[in-house]
């Protein structure tokens, strides 16, 4: 009983500390980022890489101090032969779902969209979300087991994310659609990490699906622009 308690209690405390630090960082960003962007537009592109760095430092710190184990966080090496029967079909189905749903959504939102954010911010945002889910799994798996711990981490990311400052501020329709895309990628990542025990596979899956979403977004933007130019002509 004692060894189990000594694993669970530090993991739970580390998870609470992570949530508190996440809240403080978001609150500071919501307050300071708009003024910083007015002085220098580059802060809009630096915000997500800095958030990725913070999530990675929290994850590495938790691992270094033994607050959670690498296996609980999902750092196990995958057995590639076991992935062939199901992973391509799963990724293909998720890609089709994301492409159809968000492609149509972005086509409707394109006229009201602002400037495109480029390539680096979405990738940094996706890797930040993956690192954050890893840390939450590391805190929750000792409490709930590999299956429910992974799902609880994803659910906590959803619920807490809706209550924290970045989501409570007024969002544009495009920002809201992007936020829900991130949660769809969390869902895919959680399924993959449960099936494989490896965050490396889930991270690659997330980036592949993000690429599909980017292609769908570019197609929607171009289609909307083409319709607008045809209407004006």
Protein backbone atom coordinates (compact mmCIF):
# COMPACT_ATOMS: atom_id res chain seq x y z
CA UNK A 1 0.00 0.00 0.00
CA UNK A 2 2.74 2.46 0.88
CA UNK A 3 4.58 2.32 -2.51
CA UNK A 4 1.28 2.82 -4.35
CA UNK A 5 0.48 5.86 -2.20
CA UNK A 6 3.94 7.31 -2.72
CA UNK A 7 3.37 7.12 -6.48
CA UNK A 8 -0.19 8.45 -6.49
CA UNK A 9 0.15 11.41 -4.15
CA UNK A 10 3.09 13.15 -5.92
CA UNK A 11 1.44 12.52 -9.31
CA UNK A 12 -1.82 14.07 -8.13
CA UNK A 13 -0.06 17.06 -6.56
CA UNK A 14 2.00 17.54 -9.72
CA UNK A 15 -1.20 17.49 -11.77
CA UNK A 16 -2.77 20.17 -9.57
CA UNK A 17 0.39 22.29 -9.83
CA UNK A 18 0.33 21.89 -13.62
CA UNK A 19 -3.30 23.06 -13.79
CA UNK A 20 -2.51 26.04 -11.55
CA UNK A 21 0.48 27.02 -13.65
CA UNK A 22 -1.55 26.63 -16.85
CA UNK A 23 -4.25 28.94 -15.41
CA UNK A 24 -1.71 31.57 -14.37
CA UNK A 25 0.00 31.51 -17.78
CA UNK A 26 -3.31 31.84 -19.64
CA UNK A 27 -4.50 34.67 -17.42
CA UNK A 28 -1.26 36.56 -17.97
CA UNK A 29 -1.43 35.95 -21.73
CA UNK A 30 -5.05 37.13 -22.00
CA UNK A 31 -4.18 40.32 -20.12
CA UNK A 32 -0.85 41.14 -21.71
CA UNK A 33 -0.92 39.68 -25.24
CA UNK A 34 -3.34 42.19 -26.88
CA UNK A 35 -1.21 45.15 -25.77
CA UNK A 36 1.97 43.34 -26.79
CA UNK A 37 0.52 42.61 -30.25
CA UNK A 38 -0.29 46.29 -30.73
CA UNK A 39 3.37 47.12 -30.12
CA UNK A 40 4.75 44.23 -32.20
CA UNK A 41 2.67 41.87 -34.33
CA UNK A 42 5.25 39.11 -33.97
CA UNK A 43 3.92 38.25 -30.51
CA UNK A 44 0.95 36.61 -32.25
CA UNK A 45 3.32 34.05 -33.81
CA UNK A 46 5.58 33.70 -30.76
CA UNK A 47 2.76 33.00 -28.28
CA UNK A 48 2.24 29.34 -29.24
CA UNK A 49 5.93 28.37 -29.45
CA UNK A 50 6.37 29.89 -25.99
CA UNK A 51 3.35 27.92 -24.74
CA UNK A 52 4.88 24.77 -26.23
CA UNK A 53 8.14 25.49 -24.41
CA UNK A 54 6.26 25.93 -21.13
CA UNK A 55 4.34 22.65 -21.55
CA UNK A 56 7.53 20.80 -22.49
CA UNK A 57 9.37 22.18 -19.45
CA UNK A 58 6.51 21.10 -17.16
CA UNK A 59 6.56 17.62 -18.69
CA UNK A 60 10.34 17.22 -18.50
CA UNK A 61 10.41 18.64 -14.97
CA UNK A 62 7.77 16.17 -13.81
CA UNK A 63 9.70 13.28 -15.33
CA UNK A 64 13.05 14.48 -14.00
CA UNK A 65 11.78 14.80 -10.42
CA UNK A 66 9.91 11.47 -10.54
CA UNK A 67 6.48 13.06 -10.19
CA UNK A 68 5.15 10.77 -12.93
CA UNK A 69 6.63 7.86 -14.81
CA UNK A 70 7.53 7.77 -18.54
CA UNK A 71 5.17 4.83 -19.14
CA UNK A 72 2.24 6.66 -17.52
CA UNK A 73 2.94 9.71 -19.69
CA UNK A 74 2.98 7.50 -22.82
CA UNK A 75 6.69 7.42 -23.63
CA UNK A 76 6.79 3.68 -24.35
CA UNK A 77 8.23 2.57 -27.67
CA UNK A 78 5.51 1.36 -30.09
CA UNK A 79 5.31 -2.15 -31.51
CA UNK A 80 5.03 -1.18 -35.16
CA UNK A 81 3.79 -4.56 -36.35
CA UNK A 82 0.70 -4.19 -34.17
CA UNK A 83 -0.23 -0.85 -35.77
CA UNK A 84 -0.68 -2.05 -39.34
CA UNK A 85 -4.11 -3.76 -38.97
CA UNK A 86 -5.95 -0.75 -37.57
CA UNK A 87 -3.98 2.53 -37.54
CA UNK A 88 -4.19 3.42 -41.28
CA UNK A 89 -7.95 2.88 -41.28
CA UNK A 90 -8.40 4.93 -38.10
CA UNK A 91 -6.28 7.81 -39.37
CA UNK A 92 -8.06 7.70 -42.74
CA UNK A 93 -11.48 7.83 -41.09
CA UNK A 94 -10.49 10.71 -38.83
CA UNK A 95 -8.96 12.55 -41.79
CA UNK A 96 -12.18 12.19 -43.78
CA UNK A 97 -14.28 13.39 -40.85
CA UNK A 98 -12.05 16.41 -40.15
CA UNK A 99 -11.73 17.31 -43.83
CA UNK A 100 -15.48 17.23 -44.46
CA UNK A 101 -16.59 18.89 -41.24
CA UNK A 102 -13.98 21.62 -40.89
CA UNK A 103 -13.62 22.14 -44.63
CA UNK A 104 -17.29 23.05 -44.89
CA UNK A 105 -17.13 25.13 -41.71
CA UNK A 106 -14.12 27.14 -42.86
CA UNK A 107 -15.71 27.73 -46.22
CA UNK A 108 -18.59 29.50 -44.46
CA UNK A 109 -16.24 31.40 -42.14
CA UNK A 110 -13.69 32.47 -44.77
CA UNK A 111 -15.26 35.89 -45.55
CA UNK A 112 -14.95 36.93 -41.89
CA UNK A 113 -11.49 35.43 -41.29
CA UNK A 114 -8.49 37.57 -40.50
CA UNK A 115 -4.92 37.11 -41.77
CA UNK A 116 -3.60 33.56 -42.06
CA UNK A 117 -1.30 32.58 -39.21
CA UNK A 118 1.24 30.61 -41.22
CA UNK A 119 2.72 27.16 -40.58
CA UNK A 120 4.63 27.42 -37.29
CA UNK A 121 1.81 28.46 -34.88
CA UNK A 122 -0.52 25.50 -35.66
CA UNK A 123 2.34 23.00 -35.34
CA UNK A 124 3.49 24.58 -32.05
CA UNK A 125 -0.11 24.56 -30.81
CA UNK A 126 -0.52 20.87 -31.70
CA UNK A 127 2.73 19.86 -29.98
CA UNK A 128 1.83 21.98 -26.95
CA UNK A 129 -1.50 20.14 -26.66
CA UNK A 130 0.27 16.79 -26.97
CA UNK A 131 2.79 17.71 -24.26
CA UNK A 132 0.01 18.94 -21.99
CA UNK A 133 -1.98 15.73 -22.48
CA UNK A 134 1.17 13.71 -21.70
CA UNK A 135 1.62 15.54 -18.41
CA UNK A 136 -2.06 15.16 -17.49
CA UNK A 137 -1.90 11.44 -18.30
CA UNK A 138 1.20 11.15 -16.14
CA UNK A 139 -0.77 12.61 -13.23
CA UNK A 140 -4.01 10.68 -13.80
CA UNK A 141 -2.89 7.20 -14.93
CA UNK A 142 -1.56 6.27 -11.45
CA UNK A 143 -4.98 7.22 -10.06
CA UNK A 144 -7.30 5.76 -12.72
CA UNK A 145 -5.26 3.28 -14.78
CA UNK A 146 -4.00 3.50 -18.39
CA UNK A 147 -7.44 3.45 -20.05
CA UNK A 148 -9.52 5.75 -17.87
CA UNK A 149 -6.52 7.90 -17.01
CA UNK A 150 -6.02 8.72 -20.69
CA UNK A 151 -9.71 9.54 -21.18
CA UNK A 152 -9.80 11.60 -17.98
CA UNK A 153 -6.80 13.59 -19.21
CA UNK A 154 -8.60 14.37 -22.48
CA UNK A 155 -11.86 15.22 -20.67
CA UNK A 156 -10.00 17.43 -18.18
CA UNK A 157 -8.28 19.22 -21.06
CA UNK A 158 -11.71 19.89 -22.58
CA UNK A 159 -13.53 21.00 -19.43
CA UNK A 160 -10.72 23.02 -17.91
CA UNK A 161 -9.91 24.57 -21.27
CA UNK A 162 -13.49 25.85 -21.56
CA UNK A 163 -13.32 27.39 -18.07
CA UNK A 164 -9.86 28.93 -18.29
CA UNK A 165 -9.21 32.53 -19.38
CA UNK A 166 -8.18 31.89 -23.01
CA UNK A 167 -11.56 30.29 -23.79
CA UNK A 168 -13.65 32.62 -21.61
CA UNK A 169 -12.59 35.71 -23.53
CA UNK A 170 -14.69 36.64 -26.59
CA UNK A 171 -13.69 34.37 -29.49
CA UNK A 172 -14.23 34.89 -33.18
CA UNK A 173 -15.99 32.14 -35.12
CA UNK A 174 -12.66 31.12 -36.66
CA UNK A 175 -10.96 30.93 -33.23
CA UNK A 176 -13.86 28.84 -31.91
CA UNK A 177 -13.63 26.46 -34.88
CA UNK A 178 -9.88 26.16 -34.35
CA UNK A 179 -10.37 25.42 -30.64
CA UNK A 180 -12.80 22.59 -31.39
CA UNK A 181 -10.42 21.22 -34.04
CA UNK A 182 -7.77 20.99 -31.33
CA UNK A 183 -10.17 19.00 -29.15
CA UNK A 184 -10.94 16.66 -32.06
CA UNK A 185 -7.20 16.08 -32.40
CA UNK A 186 -7.08 15.37 -28.64
CA UNK A 187 -9.70 12.69 -29.20
CA UNK A 188 -7.68 11.04 -31.97
CA UNK A 189 -4.49 11.28 -29.91
CA UNK A 190 -6.17 9.67 -26.89
CA UNK A 191 -7.44 6.71 -28.92
CA UNK A 192 -4.00 6.15 -30.42
CA UNK A 193 -2.13 6.40 -27.12
CA UNK A 194 -4.55 3.97 -25.46
CA UNK A 195 -4.10 1.46 -28.28
CA UNK A 196 -0.31 1.82 -28.56
CA UNK A 197 0.87 3.21 -25.22
CA UNK A 198 3.13 5.50 -27.24
CA UNK A 199 2.91 9.26 -27.49
CA UNK A 200 5.25 9.15 -30.48
CA UNK A 201 2.55 7.50 -32.59
CA UNK A 202 -0.14 9.81 -31.24
CA UNK A 203 1.98 12.90 -31.97
CA UNK A 204 2.59 11.77 -35.57
CA UNK A 205 -1.14 11.04 -35.92
CA UNK A 206 -1.99 14.51 -34.59
CA UNK A 207 0.39 16.21 -37.03
CA UNK A 208 -0.93 14.18 -39.98
CA UNK A 209 -4.51 15.13 -39.14
CA UNK A 210 -3.45 18.73 -38.64
CA UNK A 211 -2.00 18.62 -42.16
CA UNK A 212 -5.33 17.33 -43.47
CA UNK A 213 -7.11 20.18 -41.68
CA UNK A 214 -4.66 22.69 -43.17
CA UNK A 215 -5.31 21.37 -46.68
CA UNK A 216 -9.07 21.54 -46.09
CA UNK A 217 -8.71 25.08 -44.77
CA UNK A 218 -6.63 26.21 -47.76
CA UNK A 219 -9.17 24.63 -50.13
CA UNK A 220 -12.06 26.35 -48.32
CA UNK A 221 -10.32 29.74 -48.34
CA UNK A 222 -9.48 29.44 -52.04
CA UNK A 223 -12.99 28.30 -52.94
CA UNK A 224 -14.51 31.17 -50.99
CA UNK A 225 -12.16 33.69 -52.66
CA UNK A 226 -13.01 32.28 -56.08
CA UNK A 227 -16.74 32.62 -55.38
CA UNK A 228 -16.25 36.19 -54.15
CA UNK A 229 -14.32 37.20 -57.28
CA UNK A 230 -16.96 35.56 -59.51
CA UNK A 231 -19.74 37.43 -57.71
CA UNK A 232 -17.95 40.76 -58.05
CA UNK A 233 -17.33 40.14 -61.75
